[in-house]
Amino acid sequence: MEIHIPTPLRAYTDKLETVSVEGATVAEGLAALVAAYPDLQQHLFTTEGKLRSFVNVYLNDDDVRYLPAKEATSVAPSDELTIIPSIAGGVPSMTSGTHGRCCSR
């Protein structure tokens, strides 16, 4: 299967945008990725071996967190995994709280 690597993590995959791995499940594919590029381990997994909460993984177009078998979901060689790290931050909503009452009164 192909795993699409986000720009911030490409420093750990020799700048590759896509990495080909073998595995029968999502978890096996991710394990193969980390075996090939060990520096990714700390960025994708906790010390307990769980996928970090801010790392989103998509199997084709489906968020793995919402698949019935999650990381144990079976994959085919033609499948694609996409890793998308969550991005924190932003600005408060203009309609929430006591600040920014520009539009509603």
PDB file of N, CA and C in Angstrom:
ATOM      1  N   MET A   1       0.841  -1.170   0.000  1.00  0.00           N
ATOM      2  CA  MET A   1       0.000   0.000   0.000  1.00  0.00           C
ATOM      3  C   MET A   1       0.886   1.234   0.000  1.00  0.00           C
ATOM      4  N   GLU A   2       0.308   2.328  -0.379  1.00  0.00           N
ATOM      5  CA  GLU A   2       1.022   3.599  -0.386  1.00  0.00           C
ATOM      6  C   GLU A   2       0.608   4.391   0.853  1.00  0.00           C
ATOM      7  N   ILE A   3       1.590   5.009   1.512  1.00  0.00           N
ATOM      8  CA  ILE A   3       1.303   5.890   2.640  1.00  0.00           C
ATOM      9  C   ILE A   3       1.779   7.281   2.263  1.00  0.00           C
ATOM     10  N   HIS A   4       0.851   8.235   2.291  1.00  0.00           N
ATOM     11  CA  HIS A   4       1.160   9.624   1.976  1.00  0.00           C
ATOM     12  C   HIS A   4       1.648  10.311   3.246  1.00  0.00           C
ATOM     13  N   ILE A   5       2.822  10.912   3.155  1.00  0.00           N
ATOM     14  CA  ILE A   5       3.482  11.521   4.296  1.00  0.00           C
ATOM     15  C   ILE A   5       3.261  13.038   4.263  1.00  0.00           C
ATOM     16  N   PRO A   6       2.802  13.627   5.368  1.00  0.00           N
ATOM     17  CA  PRO A   6       2.616  15.083   5.382  1.00  0.00           C
ATOM     18  C   PRO A   6       3.965  15.808   5.387  1.00  0.00           C
ATOM     19  N   THR A   7       3.967  17.007   4.894  1.00  0.00           N
ATOM     20  CA  THR A   7       5.201  17.786   4.763  1.00  0.00           C
ATOM     21  C   THR A   7       6.031  17.835   6.048  1.00  0.00           C
ATOM     22  N   PRO A   8       5.433  18.089   7.232  1.00  0.00           N
ATOM     23  CA  PRO A   8       6.272  18.181   8.435  1.00  0.00           C
ATOM     24  C   PRO A   8       7.006  16.883   8.787  1.00  0.00           C
ATOM     25  N   LEU A   9       6.501  15.743   8.332  1.00  0.00           N
ATOM     26  CA  LEU A   9       7.129  14.457   8.662  1.00  0.00           C
ATOM     27  C   LEU A   9       8.065  13.946   7.572  1.00  0.00           C
ATOM     28  N   ARG A  10       8.136  14.619   6.462  1.00  0.00           N
ATOM     29  CA  ARG A  10       8.994  14.164   5.355  1.00  0.00           C
ATOM     30  C   ARG A  10      10.475  14.244   5.700  1.00  0.00           C
ATOM     31  N   ALA A  11      10.815  15.036   6.683  1.00  0.00           N
ATOM     32  CA  ALA A  11      12.209  15.109   7.130  1.00  0.00           C
ATOM     33  C   ALA A  11      12.672  13.752   7.659  1.00  0.00           C
ATOM     34  N   TYR A  12      11.727  12.905   8.063  1.00  0.00           N
ATOM     35  CA  TYR A  12      12.055  11.592   8.624  1.00  0.00           C
ATOM     36  C   TYR A  12      11.918  10.460   7.607  1.00  0.00           C
ATOM     37  N   THR A  13      11.498  10.785   6.382  1.00  0.00           N
ATOM     38  CA  THR A  13      11.346   9.774   5.325  1.00  0.00           C
ATOM     39  C   THR A  13      12.214  10.107   4.116  1.00  0.00           C
ATOM     40  N   ASP A  14      13.353  10.716   4.361  1.00  0.00           N
ATOM     41  CA  ASP A  14      14.245  11.136   3.271  1.00  0.00           C
ATOM     42  C   ASP A  14      13.531  12.028   2.267  1.00  0.00           C
ATOM     43  N   LYS A  15      12.609  12.847   2.773  1.00  0.00           N
ATOM     44  CA  LYS A  15      11.845  13.824   1.992  1.00  0.00           C
ATOM     45  C   LYS A  15      10.857  13.179   1.015  1.00  0.00           C
ATOM     46  N   LEU A  16      10.533  11.918   1.217  1.00  0.00           N
ATOM     47  CA  LEU A  16       9.571  11.243   0.335  1.00  0.00           C
ATOM     48  C   LEU A  16       8.145  11.678   0.669  1.00  0.00           C
ATOM     49  N   GLU A  17       7.370  11.947  -0.374  1.00  0.00           N
ATOM     50  CA  GLU A  17       5.963  12.296  -0.202  1.00  0.00           C
ATOM     51  C   GLU A  17       5.103  11.059   0.014  1.00  0.00           C
ATOM     52  N   THR A  18       5.522   9.946  -0.591  1.00  0.00           N
ATOM     53  CA  THR A  18       4.778   8.689  -0.518  1.00  0.00           C
ATOM     54  C   THR A  18       5.758   7.553  -0.285  1.00  0.00           C
ATOM     55  N   VAL A  19       5.361   6.643   0.605  1.00  0.00           N
ATOM     56  CA  VAL A  19       6.184   5.484   0.925  1.00  0.00           C
ATOM     57  C   VAL A  19       5.358   4.231   0.661  1.00  0.00           C
ATOM     58  N   SER A  20       5.938   3.254  -0.003  1.00  0.00           N
ATOM     59  CA  SER A  20       5.262   1.977  -0.258  1.00  0.00           C
ATOM     60  C   SER A  20       5.645   0.987   0.839  1.00  0.00           C
ATOM     61  N   VAL A  21       4.617   0.359   1.431  1.00  0.00           N
ATOM     62  CA  VAL A  21       4.843  -0.643   2.480  1.00  0.00           C
ATOM     63  C   VAL A  21       3.921  -1.824   2.231  1.00  0.00           C
ATOM     64  N   GLU A  22       4.224  -2.915   2.913  1.00  0.00           N
ATOM     65  CA  GLU A  22       3.349  -4.077   2.873  1.00  0.00           C
ATOM     66  C   GLU A  22       2.713  -4.261   4.234  1.00  0.00           C
ATOM     67  N   GLY A  23       1.510  -4.802   4.240  1.00  0.00           N
ATOM     68  CA  GLY A  23       0.806  -5.079   5.476  1.00  0.00           C
ATOM     69  C   GLY A  23      -0.611  -5.498   5.165  1.00  0.00           C
ATOM     70  N   ALA A  24      -1.181  -6.321   6.036  1.00  0.00           N
ATOM     71  CA  ALA A  24      -2.547  -6.807   5.830  1.00  0.00           C
ATOM     72  C   ALA A  24      -3.585  -5.914   6.502  1.00  0.00           C
ATOM     73  N   THR A  25      -3.124  -5.040   7.426  1.00  0.00           N
ATOM     74  CA  THR A  25      -4.033  -4.137   8.134  1.00  0.00           C
ATOM     75  C   THR A  25      -3.419  -2.735   8.159  1.00  0.00           C
ATOM     76  N   VAL A  26      -4.219  -1.776   8.580  1.00  0.00           N
ATOM     77  CA  VAL A  26      -3.707  -0.416   8.752  1.00  0.00           C
ATOM     78  C   VAL A  26      -2.544  -0.429   9.743  1.00  0.00           C
ATOM     79  N   ALA A  27      -2.720  -1.118  10.869  1.00  0.00           N
ATOM     80  CA  ALA A  27      -1.670  -1.176  11.894  1.00  0.00           C
ATOM     81  C   ALA A  27      -0.381  -1.783  11.350  1.00  0.00           C
ATOM     82  N   GLU A  28      -0.485  -2.837  10.561  1.00  0.00           N
ATOM     83  CA  GLU A  28       0.707  -3.458   9.982  1.00  0.00           C
ATOM     84  C   GLU A  28       1.395  -2.519   8.999  1.00  0.00           C
ATOM     85  N   GLY A  29       0.606  -1.764   8.243  1.00  0.00           N
ATOM     86  CA  GLY A  29       1.181  -0.797   7.316  1.00  0.00           C
ATOM     87  C   GLY A  29       1.932   0.301   8.055  1.00  0.00           C
ATOM     88  N   LEU A  30       1.350   0.798   9.139  1.00  0.00           N
ATOM     89  CA  LEU A  30       2.019   1.818   9.935  1.00  0.00           C
ATOM     90  C   LEU A  30       3.266   1.254  10.611  1.00  0.00           C
ATOM     91  N   ALA A  31       3.182   0.005  11.069  1.00  0.00           N
ATOM     92  CA  ALA A  31       4.348  -0.639  11.682  1.00  0.00           C
ATOM     93  C   ALA A  31       5.475  -0.794  10.669  1.00  0.00           C
ATOM     94  N   ALA A  32       5.132  -1.129   9.440  1.00  0.00           N
ATOM     95  CA  ALA A  32       6.140  -1.259   8.387  1.00  0.00           C
ATOM     96  C   ALA A  32       6.763   0.100   8.069  1.00  0.00           C
ATOM     97  N   LEU A  33       5.951   1.144   8.100  1.00  0.00           N
ATOM     98  CA  LEU A  33       6.461   2.492   7.864  1.00  0.00           C
ATOM     99  C   LEU A  33       7.486   2.865   8.945  1.00  0.00           C
ATOM    100  N   VAL A  34       7.142   2.610  10.199  1.00  0.00           N
ATOM    101  CA  VAL A  34       8.041   2.942  11.307  1.00  0.00           C
ATOM    102  C   VAL A  34       9.280   2.047  11.301  1.00  0.00           C
ATOM    103  N   ALA A  35       9.129   0.811  10.863  1.00  0.00           N
ATOM    104  CA  ALA A  35      10.296  -0.074  10.764  1.00  0.00           C
ATOM    105  C   ALA A  35      11.286   0.453   9.722  1.00  0.00           C
ATOM    106  N   ALA A  36      10.752   0.994   8.630  1.00  0.00           N
ATOM    107  CA  ALA A  36      11.607   1.536   7.570  1.00  0.00           C
ATOM    108  C   ALA A  36      12.179   2.902   7.940  1.00  0.00           C
ATOM    109  N   TYR A  37      11.420   3.668   8.737  1.00  0.00           N
ATOM    110  CA  TYR A  37      11.819   5.022   9.129  1.00  0.00           C
ATOM    111  C   TYR A  37      11.594   5.181  10.630  1.00  0.00           C
ATOM    112  N   PRO A  38      12.499   4.633  11.447  1.00  0.00           N
ATOM    113  CA  PRO A  38      12.315   4.596  12.902  1.00  0.00           C
ATOM    114  C   PRO A  38      12.116   5.961  13.569  1.00  0.00           C
ATOM    115  N   ASP A  39      12.638   7.020  12.991  1.00  0.00           N
ATOM    116  CA  ASP A  39      12.470   8.340  13.600  1.00  0.00           C
ATOM    117  C   ASP A  39      11.014   8.806  13.599  1.00  0.00           C
ATOM    118  N   LEU A  40      10.173   8.178  12.813  1.00  0.00           N
ATOM    119  CA  LEU A  40       8.746   8.522  12.798  1.00  0.00           C
ATOM    120  C   LEU A  40       8.016   8.031  14.041  1.00  0.00           C
ATOM    121  N   GLN A  41       8.564   7.010  14.694  1.00  0.00           N
ATOM    122  CA  GLN A  41       7.898   6.381  15.843  1.00  0.00           C
ATOM    123  C   GLN A  41       7.393   7.419  16.847  1.00  0.00           C
ATOM    124  N   GLN A  42       8.255   8.285  17.313  1.00  0.00           N
ATOM    125  CA  GLN A  42       7.876   9.244  18.352  1.00  0.00           C
ATOM    126  C   GLN A  42       6.883  10.282  17.859  1.00  0.00           C
ATOM    127  N   HIS A  43       6.812  10.492  16.572  1.00  0.00           N
ATOM    128  CA  HIS A  43       5.882  11.477  16.027  1.00  0.00           C
ATOM    129  C   HIS A  43       4.494  10.892  15.774  1.00  0.00           C
ATOM    130  N   LEU A  44       4.416   9.579  15.590  1.00  0.00           N
ATOM    131  CA  LEU A  44       3.136   8.939  15.290  1.00  0.00           C
ATOM    132  C   LEU A  44       2.527   8.205  16.477  1.00  0.00           C
ATOM    133  N   PHE A  45       3.380   7.669  17.371  1.00  0.00           N
ATOM    134  CA  PHE A  45       2.892   6.795  18.440  1.00  0.00           C
ATOM    135  C   PHE A  45       3.328   7.269  19.816  1.00  0.00           C
ATOM    136  N   THR A  46       2.501   6.963  20.814  1.00  0.00           N
ATOM    137  CA  THR A  46       2.853   7.233  22.198  1.00  0.00           C
ATOM    138  C   THR A  46       3.869   6.193  22.660  1.00  0.00           C
ATOM    139  N   THR A  47       4.399   6.367  23.854  1.00  0.00           N
ATOM    140  CA  THR A  47       5.340   5.385  24.394  1.00  0.00           C
ATOM    141  C   THR A  47       4.656   4.044  24.644  1.00  0.00           C
ATOM    142  N   GLU A  48       3.320   4.052  24.760  1.00  0.00           N
ATOM    143  CA  GLU A  48       2.556   2.815  24.920  1.00  0.00           C
ATOM    144  C   GLU A  48       2.239   2.138  23.590  1.00  0.00           C
ATOM    145  N   GLY A  49       2.646   2.763  22.487  1.00  0.00           N
ATOM    146  CA  GLY A  49       2.410   2.176  21.175  1.00  0.00           C
ATOM    147  C   GLY A  49       1.080   2.526  20.542  1.00  0.00           C
ATOM    148  N   LYS A  50       0.343   3.445  21.144  1.00  0.00           N
ATOM    149  CA  LYS A  50      -0.944   3.883  20.590  1.00  0.00           C
ATOM    150  C   LYS A  50      -0.712   5.046  19.631  1.00  0.00           C
ATOM    151  N   LEU A  51      -1.525   5.099  18.588  1.00  0.00           N
ATOM    152  CA  LEU A  51      -1.451   6.208  17.649  1.00  0.00           C
ATOM    153  C   LEU A  51      -1.766   7.502  18.408  1.00  0.00           C
ATOM    154  N   ARG A  52      -0.942   8.501  18.256  1.00  0.00           N
ATOM    155  CA  ARG A  52      -1.152   9.767  18.971  1.00  0.00           C
ATOM    156  C   ARG A  52      -2.497  10.374  18.594  1.00  0.00           C
ATOM    157  N   SER A  53      -3.139  11.026  19.554  1.00  0.00           N
ATOM    158  CA  SER A  53      -4.482  11.565  19.341  1.00  0.00           C
ATOM    159  C   SER A  53      -4.522  12.657  18.283  1.00  0.00           C
ATOM    160  N   PHE A  54      -3.418  13.359  18.082  1.00  0.00           N
ATOM    161  CA  PHE A  54      -3.411  14.439  17.088  1.00  0.00           C
ATOM    162  C   PHE A  54      -2.985  13.971  15.701  1.00  0.00           C
ATOM    163  N   VAL A  55      -2.771  12.661  15.538  1.00  0.00           N
ATOM    164  CA  VAL A  55      -2.418  12.107  14.235  1.00  0.00           C
ATOM    165  C   VAL A  55      -3.658  11.445  13.643  1.00  0.00           C
ATOM    166  N   ASN A  56      -4.116  11.969  12.531  1.00  0.00           N
ATOM    167  CA  ASN A  56      -5.279  11.417  11.840  1.00  0.00           C
ATOM    168  C   ASN A  56      -4.787  10.554  10.684  1.00  0.00           C
ATOM    169  N   VAL A  57      -5.358   9.368  10.566  1.00  0.00           N
ATOM    170  CA  VAL A  57      -4.984   8.460   9.482  1.00  0.00           C
ATOM    171  C   VAL A  57      -6.239   8.137   8.687  1.00  0.00           C
ATOM    172  N   TYR A  58      -6.133   8.276   7.387  1.00  0.00           N
ATOM    173  CA  TYR A  58      -7.248   7.978   6.491  1.00  0.00           C
ATOM    174  C   TYR A  58      -6.883   6.782   5.625  1.00  0.00           C
ATOM    175  N   LEU A  59      -7.801   5.853   5.533  1.00  0.00           N
ATOM    176  CA  LEU A  59      -7.693   4.721   4.617  1.00  0.00           C
ATOM    177  C   LEU A  59      -8.536   5.090   3.414  1.00  0.00           C
ATOM    178  N   ASN A  60      -7.877   5.357   2.314  1.00  0.00           N
ATOM    179  CA  ASN A  60      -8.532   5.924   1.135  1.00  0.00           C
ATOM    180  C   ASN A  60      -9.205   7.224   1.578  1.00  0.00           C
ATOM    181  N   ASP A  61     -10.518   7.308   1.645  1.00  0.00           N
ATOM    182  CA  ASP A  61     -11.181   8.543   2.079  1.00  0.00           C
ATOM    183  C   ASP A  61     -11.807   8.428   3.461  1.00  0.00           C
ATOM    184  N   ASP A  62     -11.574   7.318   4.162  1.00  0.00           N
ATOM    185  CA  ASP A  62     -12.236   7.071   5.439  1.00  0.00           C
ATOM    186  C   ASP A  62     -11.298   7.287   6.617  1.00  0.00           C
ATOM    187  N   ASP A  63     -11.757   8.068   7.589  1.00  0.00           N
ATOM    188  CA  ASP A  63     -11.005   8.292   8.816  1.00  0.00           C
ATOM    189  C   ASP A  63     -10.956   6.973   9.586  1.00  0.00           C
ATOM    190  N   VAL A  64      -9.770   6.470   9.837  1.00  0.00           N
ATOM    191  CA  VAL A  64      -9.590   5.163  10.470  1.00  0.00           C
ATOM    192  C   VAL A  64     -10.247   5.121  11.842  1.00  0.00           C
ATOM    193  N   ARG A  65     -10.289   6.248  12.559  1.00  0.00           N
ATOM    194  CA  ARG A  65     -10.894   6.277  13.898  1.00  0.00           C
ATOM    195  C   ARG A  65     -12.354   5.876  13.878  1.00  0.00           C
ATOM    196  N   TYR A  66     -13.031   6.052  12.739  1.00  0.00           N
ATOM    197  CA  TYR A  66     -14.457   5.774  12.658  1.00  0.00           C
ATOM    198  C   TYR A  66     -14.783   4.477  11.932  1.00  0.00           C
ATOM    199  N   LEU A  67     -13.769   3.743  11.523  1.00  0.00           N
ATOM    200  CA  LEU A  67     -13.992   2.426  10.921  1.00  0.00           C
ATOM    201  C   LEU A  67     -14.253   1.421  12.041  1.00  0.00           C
ATOM    202  N   PRO A  68     -15.128   0.442  11.826  1.00  0.00           N
ATOM    203  CA  PRO A  68     -15.456  -0.512  12.894  1.00  0.00           C
ATOM    204  C   PRO A  68     -14.233  -1.188  13.521  1.00  0.00           C
ATOM    205  N   ALA A  69     -13.262  -1.578  12.706  1.00  0.00           N
ATOM    206  CA  ALA A  69     -12.089  -2.279  13.231  1.00  0.00           C
ATOM    207  C   ALA A  69     -10.912  -1.335  13.504  1.00  0.00           C
ATOM    208  N   LYS A  70     -11.102  -0.051  13.267  1.00  0.00           N
ATOM    209  CA  LYS A  70     -10.058   0.957  13.462  1.00  0.00           C
ATOM    210  C   LYS A  70      -8.745   0.538  12.795  1.00  0.00           C
ATOM    211  N   GLU A  71      -7.623   0.514  13.552  1.00  0.00           N
ATOM    212  CA  GLU A  71      -6.331   0.179  12.945  1.00  0.00           C
ATOM    213  C   GLU A  71      -6.227  -1.286  12.534  1.00  0.00           C
ATOM    214  N   ALA A  72      -7.153  -2.121  13.000  1.00  0.00           N
ATOM    215  CA  ALA A  72      -7.143  -3.534  12.617  1.00  0.00           C
ATOM    216  C   ALA A  72      -7.870  -3.766  11.290  1.00  0.00           C
ATOM    217  N   THR A  73      -8.321  -2.705  10.649  1.00  0.00           N
ATOM    218  CA  THR A  73      -9.020  -2.804   9.371  1.00  0.00           C
ATOM    219  C   THR A  73      -8.096  -3.403   8.313  1.00  0.00           C
ATOM    220  N   SER A  74      -8.610  -4.368   7.587  1.00  0.00           N
ATOM    221  CA  SER A  74      -7.854  -5.007   6.507  1.00  0.00           C
ATOM    222  C   SER A  74      -7.625  -4.029   5.369  1.00  0.00           C
ATOM    223  N   VAL A  75      -6.485  -4.177   4.713  1.00  0.00           N
ATOM    224  CA  VAL A  75      -6.154  -3.340   3.569  1.00  0.00           C
ATOM    225  C   VAL A  75      -5.723  -4.213   2.401  1.00  0.00           C
ATOM    226  N   ALA A  76      -5.835  -3.630   1.216  1.00  0.00           N
ATOM    227  CA  ALA A  76      -5.383  -4.292  -0.010  1.00  0.00           C
ATOM    228  C   ALA A  76      -4.128  -3.569  -0.499  1.00  0.00           C
ATOM    229  N   PRO A  77      -3.318  -4.225  -1.312  1.00  0.00           N
ATOM    230  CA  PRO A  77      -2.115  -3.561  -1.843  1.00  0.00           C
ATOM    231  C   PRO A  77      -2.411  -2.262  -2.596  1.00  0.00           C
ATOM    232  N   SER A  78      -3.613  -2.145  -3.146  1.00  0.00           N
ATOM    233  CA  SER A  78      -3.972  -0.942  -3.902  1.00  0.00           C
ATOM    234  C   SER A  78      -4.493   0.193  -3.015  1.00  0.00           C
ATOM    235  N   ASP A  79      -4.663  -0.064  -1.713  1.00  0.00           N
ATOM    236  CA  ASP A  79      -5.174   0.965  -0.806  1.00  0.00           C
ATOM    237  C   ASP A  79      -4.125   2.025  -0.522  1.00  0.00           C
ATOM    238  N   GLU A  80      -4.613   3.180  -0.064  1.00  0.00           N
ATOM    239  CA  GLU A  80      -3.734   4.290   0.292  1.00  0.00           C
ATOM    240  C   GLU A  80      -4.054   4.756   1.699  1.00  0.00           C
ATOM    241  N   LEU A  81      -3.002   4.984   2.483  1.00  0.00           N
ATOM    242  CA  LEU A  81      -3.138   5.609   3.793  1.00  0.00           C
ATOM    243  C   LEU A  81      -2.614   7.025   3.676  1.00  0.00           C
ATOM    244  N   THR A  82      -3.291   7.940   4.328  1.00  0.00           N
ATOM    245  CA  THR A  82      -2.850   9.319   4.371  1.00  0.00           C
ATOM    246  C   THR A  82      -2.741   9.728   5.827  1.00  0.00           C
ATOM    247  N   ILE A  83      -1.582  10.250   6.211  1.00  0.00           N
ATOM    248  CA  ILE A  83      -1.360  10.724   7.571  1.00  0.00           C
ATOM    249  C   ILE A  83      -1.552  12.230   7.566  1.00  0.00           C
ATOM    250  N   ILE A  84      -2.422  12.704   8.454  1.00  0.00           N
ATOM    251  CA  ILE A  84      -2.684  14.138   8.546  1.00  0.00           C
ATOM    252  C   ILE A  84      -2.588  14.544  10.011  1.00  0.00           C
ATOM    253  N   PRO A  85      -1.535  15.275  10.372  1.00  0.00           N
ATOM    254  CA  PRO A  85      -1.443  15.738  11.756  1.00  0.00           C
ATOM    255  C   PRO A  85      -2.443  16.867  11.997  1.00  0.00           C
ATOM    256  N   SER A  86      -3.081  16.853  13.163  1.00  0.00           N
ATOM    257  CA  SER A  86      -4.000  17.931  13.514  1.00  0.00           C
ATOM    258  C   SER A  86      -3.203  19.204  13.745  1.00  0.00           C
ATOM    259  N   ILE A  87      -3.830  20.310  13.452  1.00  0.00           N
ATOM    260  CA  ILE A  87      -3.188  21.600  13.658  1.00  0.00           C
ATOM    261  C   ILE A  87      -3.988  22.352  14.707  1.00  0.00           C
ATOM    262  N   ALA A  88      -3.330  22.754  15.769  1.00  0.00           N
ATOM    263  CA  ALA A  88      -3.994  23.492  16.841  1.00  0.00           C
ATOM    264  C   ALA A  88      -3.836  24.982  16.600  1.00  0.00           C
ATOM    265  N   GLY A  89      -4.693  25.736  17.261  1.00  0.00           N
ATOM    266  CA  GLY A  89      -4.569  27.187  17.188  1.00  0.00           C
ATOM    267  C   GLY A  89      -5.763  27.800  16.505  1.00  0.00           C
ATOM    268  N   GLY A  90      -5.586  28.978  16.017  1.00  0.00           N
ATOM    269  CA  GLY A  90      -6.671  29.693  15.371  1.00  0.00           C
ATOM    270  C   GLY A  90      -7.090  30.884  16.202  1.00  0.00           C
ATOM    271  N   VAL A  91      -8.187  31.471  15.836  1.00  0.00           N
ATOM    272  CA  VAL A  91      -8.703  32.630  16.564  1.00  0.00           C
ATOM    273  C   VAL A  91     -10.082  32.298  17.092  1.00  0.00           C
ATOM    274  N   PRO A  92     -10.493  32.940  18.189  1.00  0.00           N
ATOM    275  CA  PRO A  92     -11.833  32.695  18.716  1.00  0.00           C
ATOM    276  C   PRO A  92     -12.895  33.118  17.717  1.00  0.00           C
ATOM    277  N   SER A  93     -14.024  32.485  17.803  1.00  0.00           N
ATOM    278  CA  SER A  93     -15.148  32.819  16.940  1.00  0.00           C
ATOM    279  C   SER A  93     -15.617  34.239  17.224  1.00  0.00           C
ATOM    280  N   MET A  94     -15.996  34.947  16.192  1.00  0.00           N
ATOM    281  CA  MET A  94     -16.480  36.321  16.356  1.00  0.00           C
ATOM    282  C   MET A  94     -17.859  36.364  17.020  1.00  0.00           C
ATOM    283  N   THR A  95     -18.544  35.243  17.078  1.00  0.00           N
ATOM    284  CA  THR A  95     -19.889  35.239  17.647  1.00  0.00           C
ATOM    285  C   THR A  95     -19.938  34.592  19.025  1.00  0.00           C
ATOM    286  N   SER A  96     -18.776  34.174  19.565  1.00  0.00           N
ATOM    287  CA  SER A  96     -18.796  33.523  20.869  1.00  0.00           C
ATOM    288  C   SER A  96     -18.206  34.430  21.931  1.00  0.00           C
ATOM    289  N   GLY A  97     -18.646  34.240  23.146  1.00  0.00           N
ATOM    290  CA  GLY A  97     -18.091  34.979  24.265  1.00  0.00           C
ATOM    291  C   GLY A  97     -18.497  36.435  24.273  1.00  0.00           C
ATOM    292  N   THR A  98     -17.769  37.234  25.064  1.00  0.00           N
ATOM    293  CA  THR A  98     -18.106  38.644  25.207  1.00  0.00           C
ATOM    294  C   THR A  98     -17.311  39.526  24.260  1.00  0.00           C
ATOM    295  N   HIS A  99     -16.347  38.944  23.570  1.00  0.00           N
ATOM    296  CA  HIS A  99     -15.506  39.727  22.661  1.00  0.00           C
ATOM    297  C   HIS A  99     -15.964  39.528  21.219  1.00  0.00           C
ATOM    298  N   GLY A 100     -15.677  40.490  20.399  1.00  0.00           N
ATOM    299  CA  GLY A 100     -15.934  40.349  18.982  1.00  0.00           C
ATOM    300  C   GLY A 100     -17.393  40.388  18.603  1.00  0.00           C
ATOM    301  N   ARG A 101     -18.160  41.253  19.202  1.00  0.00           N
ATOM    302  CA  ARG A 101     -19.586  41.326  18.902  1.00  0.00           C
ATOM    303  C   ARG A 101     -19.835  42.203  17.680  1.00  0.00           C
ATOM    304  N   CYS A 102     -19.231  41.836  16.579  1.00  0.00           N
ATOM    305  CA  CYS A 102     -19.345  42.675  15.394  1.00  0.00           C
ATOM    306  C   CYS A 102     -20.647  42.489  14.643  1.00  0.00           C
ATOM    307  N   CYS A 103     -21.229  41.318  14.752  1.00  0.00           N
ATOM    308  CA  CYS A 103     -22.296  41.012  13.818  1.00  0.00           C
ATOM    309  C   CYS A 103     -23.672  40.836  14.446  1.00  0.00           C
ATOM    310  N   SER A 104     -23.739  40.449  15.703  1.00  0.00           N
ATOM    311  CA  SER A 104     -25.059  40.207  16.279  1.00  0.00           C
ATOM    312  C   SER A 104     -25.233  41.020  17.546  1.00  0.00           C
ATOM    313  N   ARG A 105     -26.412  41.546  17.710  1.00  0.00           N
ATOM    314  CA  ARG A 105     -26.728  42.338  18.902  1.00  0.00           C
ATOM    315  C   ARG A 105     -28.076  41.954  19.411  1.00  0.00           C
TER     316      ARG A 105
END
